[in-house]
Amino acid sequence: MATQSFAGTVNAPDFPDNVEWINTDRPLSMADLRGKVVVLDFWTYC
Protein backbone atom coordinates (compact mmCIF):
# COMPACT_ATOMS: atom_id res chain seq x y z
CA MET A 1 0.00 0.00 0.00
CA ALA A 2 1.43 3.37 -0.99
CA THR A 3 1.70 6.08 1.64
CA GLN A 4 0.58 9.61 0.92
CA SER A 5 2.08 12.70 2.51
CA PHE A 6 -0.15 15.65 3.29
CA ALA A 7 2.74 17.85 4.42
CA GLY A 8 2.42 21.34 3.03
CA THR A 9 -1.00 20.76 1.43
CA VAL A 10 -3.06 22.72 3.99
CA ASN A 11 -1.93 25.97 5.58
CA ALA A 12 -3.38 26.50 9.04
CA PRO A 13 -3.92 30.10 10.11
CA ASP A 14 -1.80 31.51 12.92
CA PHE A 15 -3.38 32.08 16.34
CA PRO A 16 -4.86 35.52 17.09
CA ASP A 17 -2.73 37.86 19.23
CA ASN A 18 -5.34 38.31 21.98
CA VAL A 19 -5.78 34.59 22.89
CA GLU A 20 -5.43 33.62 26.56
CA TRP A 21 -3.20 30.55 26.94
CA ILE A 22 -3.43 27.92 29.70
CA ASN A 23 -0.53 25.70 30.88
CA THR A 24 2.14 27.53 28.89
CA ASP A 25 4.46 30.37 29.86
CA ARG A 26 4.18 32.18 26.53
CA PRO A 27 1.85 32.37 23.52
CA LEU A 28 2.44 29.71 20.85
CA SER A 29 2.57 30.18 17.11
CA MET A 30 2.12 27.78 14.23
CA ALA A 31 5.86 28.06 13.57
CA ASP A 32 6.52 26.74 17.12
CA LEU A 33 4.36 23.68 16.40
CA ARG A 34 5.58 22.88 12.88
CA GLY A 35 6.81 19.29 12.62
CA LYS A 36 5.33 18.26 15.98
CA VAL A 37 2.35 16.09 16.82
CA VAL A 38 -0.37 18.31 18.32
CA VAL A 39 -3.43 17.03 20.20
CA LEU A 40 -6.33 19.46 20.53
CA ASP A 41 -8.82 18.79 23.31
CA PHE A 42 -11.92 20.98 23.06
CA TRP A 43 -14.23 20.97 26.06
CA THR A 44 -16.78 23.22 27.71
CA TYR A 45 -18.39 23.57 31.10
CA CYS A 46 -22.03 22.54 31.06
C-alpha atoms as a PDB file:
ATOM      1  CA  MET A   1       0.000   0.000   0.000  1.00  0.00           C
ATOM      2  CA  ALA A   2       1.433   3.374  -0.991  1.00  0.00           C
ATOM      3  CA  THR A   3       1.705   6.079   1.645  1.00  0.00           C
ATOM      4  CA  GLN A   4       0.578   9.607   0.923  1.00  0.00           C
ATOM      5  CA  SER A   5       2.080  12.698   2.511  1.00  0.00           C
ATOM      6  CA  PHE A   6      -0.147  15.650   3.293  1.00  0.00           C
ATOM      7  CA  ALA A   7       2.744  17.849   4.425  1.00  0.00           C
ATOM      8  CA  GLY A   8       2.421  21.338   3.034  1.00  0.00           C
ATOM      9  CA  THR A   9      -0.999  20.760   1.435  1.00  0.00           C
ATOM     10  CA  VAL A  10      -3.057  22.718   3.994  1.00  0.00           C
ATOM     11  CA  ASN A  11      -1.931  25.968   5.582  1.00  0.00           C
ATOM     12  CA  ALA A  12      -3.377  26.496   9.037  1.00  0.00           C
ATOM     13  CA  PRO A  13      -3.921  30.103  10.105  1.00  0.00           C
ATOM     14  CA  ASP A  14      -1.799  31.507  12.922  1.00  0.00           C
ATOM     15  CA  PHE A  15      -3.381  32.078  16.341  1.00  0.00           C
ATOM     16  CA  PRO A  16      -4.864  35.523  17.089  1.00  0.00           C
ATOM     17  CA  ASP A  17      -2.735  37.859  19.228  1.00  0.00           C
ATOM     18  CA  ASN A  18      -5.344  38.305  21.979  1.00  0.00           C
ATOM     19  CA  VAL A  19      -5.784  34.595  22.892  1.00  0.00           C
ATOM     20  CA  GLU A  20      -5.427  33.623  26.560  1.00  0.00           C
ATOM     21  CA  TRP A  21      -3.200  30.549  26.941  1.00  0.00           C
ATOM     22  CA  ILE A  22      -3.430  27.923  29.698  1.00  0.00           C
ATOM     23  CA  ASN A  23      -0.529  25.701  30.876  1.00  0.00           C
ATOM     24  CA  THR A  24       2.137  27.529  28.885  1.00  0.00           C
ATOM     25  CA  ASP A  25       4.457  30.369  29.860  1.00  0.00           C
ATOM     26  CA  ARG A  26       4.180  32.181  26.528  1.00  0.00           C
ATOM     27  CA  PRO A  27       1.854  32.368  23.523  1.00  0.00           C
ATOM     28  CA  LEU A  28       2.436  29.712  20.854  1.00  0.00           C
ATOM     29  CA  SER A  29       2.570  30.180  17.114  1.00  0.00           C
ATOM     30  CA  MET A  30       2.118  27.784  14.229  1.00  0.00           C
ATOM     31  CA  ALA A  31       5.862  28.059  13.570  1.00  0.00           C
ATOM     32  CA  ASP A  32       6.521  26.741  17.124  1.00  0.00           C
ATOM     33  CA  LEU A  33       4.358  23.683  16.401  1.00  0.00           C
ATOM     34  CA  ARG A  34       5.581  22.877  12.878  1.00  0.00           C
ATOM     35  CA  GLY A  35       6.812  19.289  12.619  1.00  0.00           C
ATOM     36  CA  LYS A  36       5.331  18.259  15.982  1.00  0.00           C
ATOM     37  CA  VAL A  37       2.347  16.089  16.818  1.00  0.00           C
ATOM     38  CA  VAL A  38      -0.367  18.306  18.319  1.00  0.00           C
ATOM     39  CA  VAL A  39      -3.427  17.026  20.202  1.00  0.00           C
ATOM     40  CA  LEU A  40      -6.327  19.455  20.532  1.00  0.00           C
ATOM     41  CA  ASP A  41      -8.821  18.788  23.306  1.00  0.00           C
ATOM     42  CA  PHE A  42     -11.923  20.985  23.058  1.00  0.00           C
ATOM     43  CA  TRP A  43     -14.230  20.968  26.058  1.00  0.00           C
ATOM     44  CA  THR A  44     -16.781  23.218  27.706  1.00  0.00           C
ATOM     45  CA  TYR A  45     -18.385  23.567  31.100  1.00  0.00           C
ATOM     46  CA  CYS A  46     -22.031  22.538  31.059  1.00  0.00           C
END
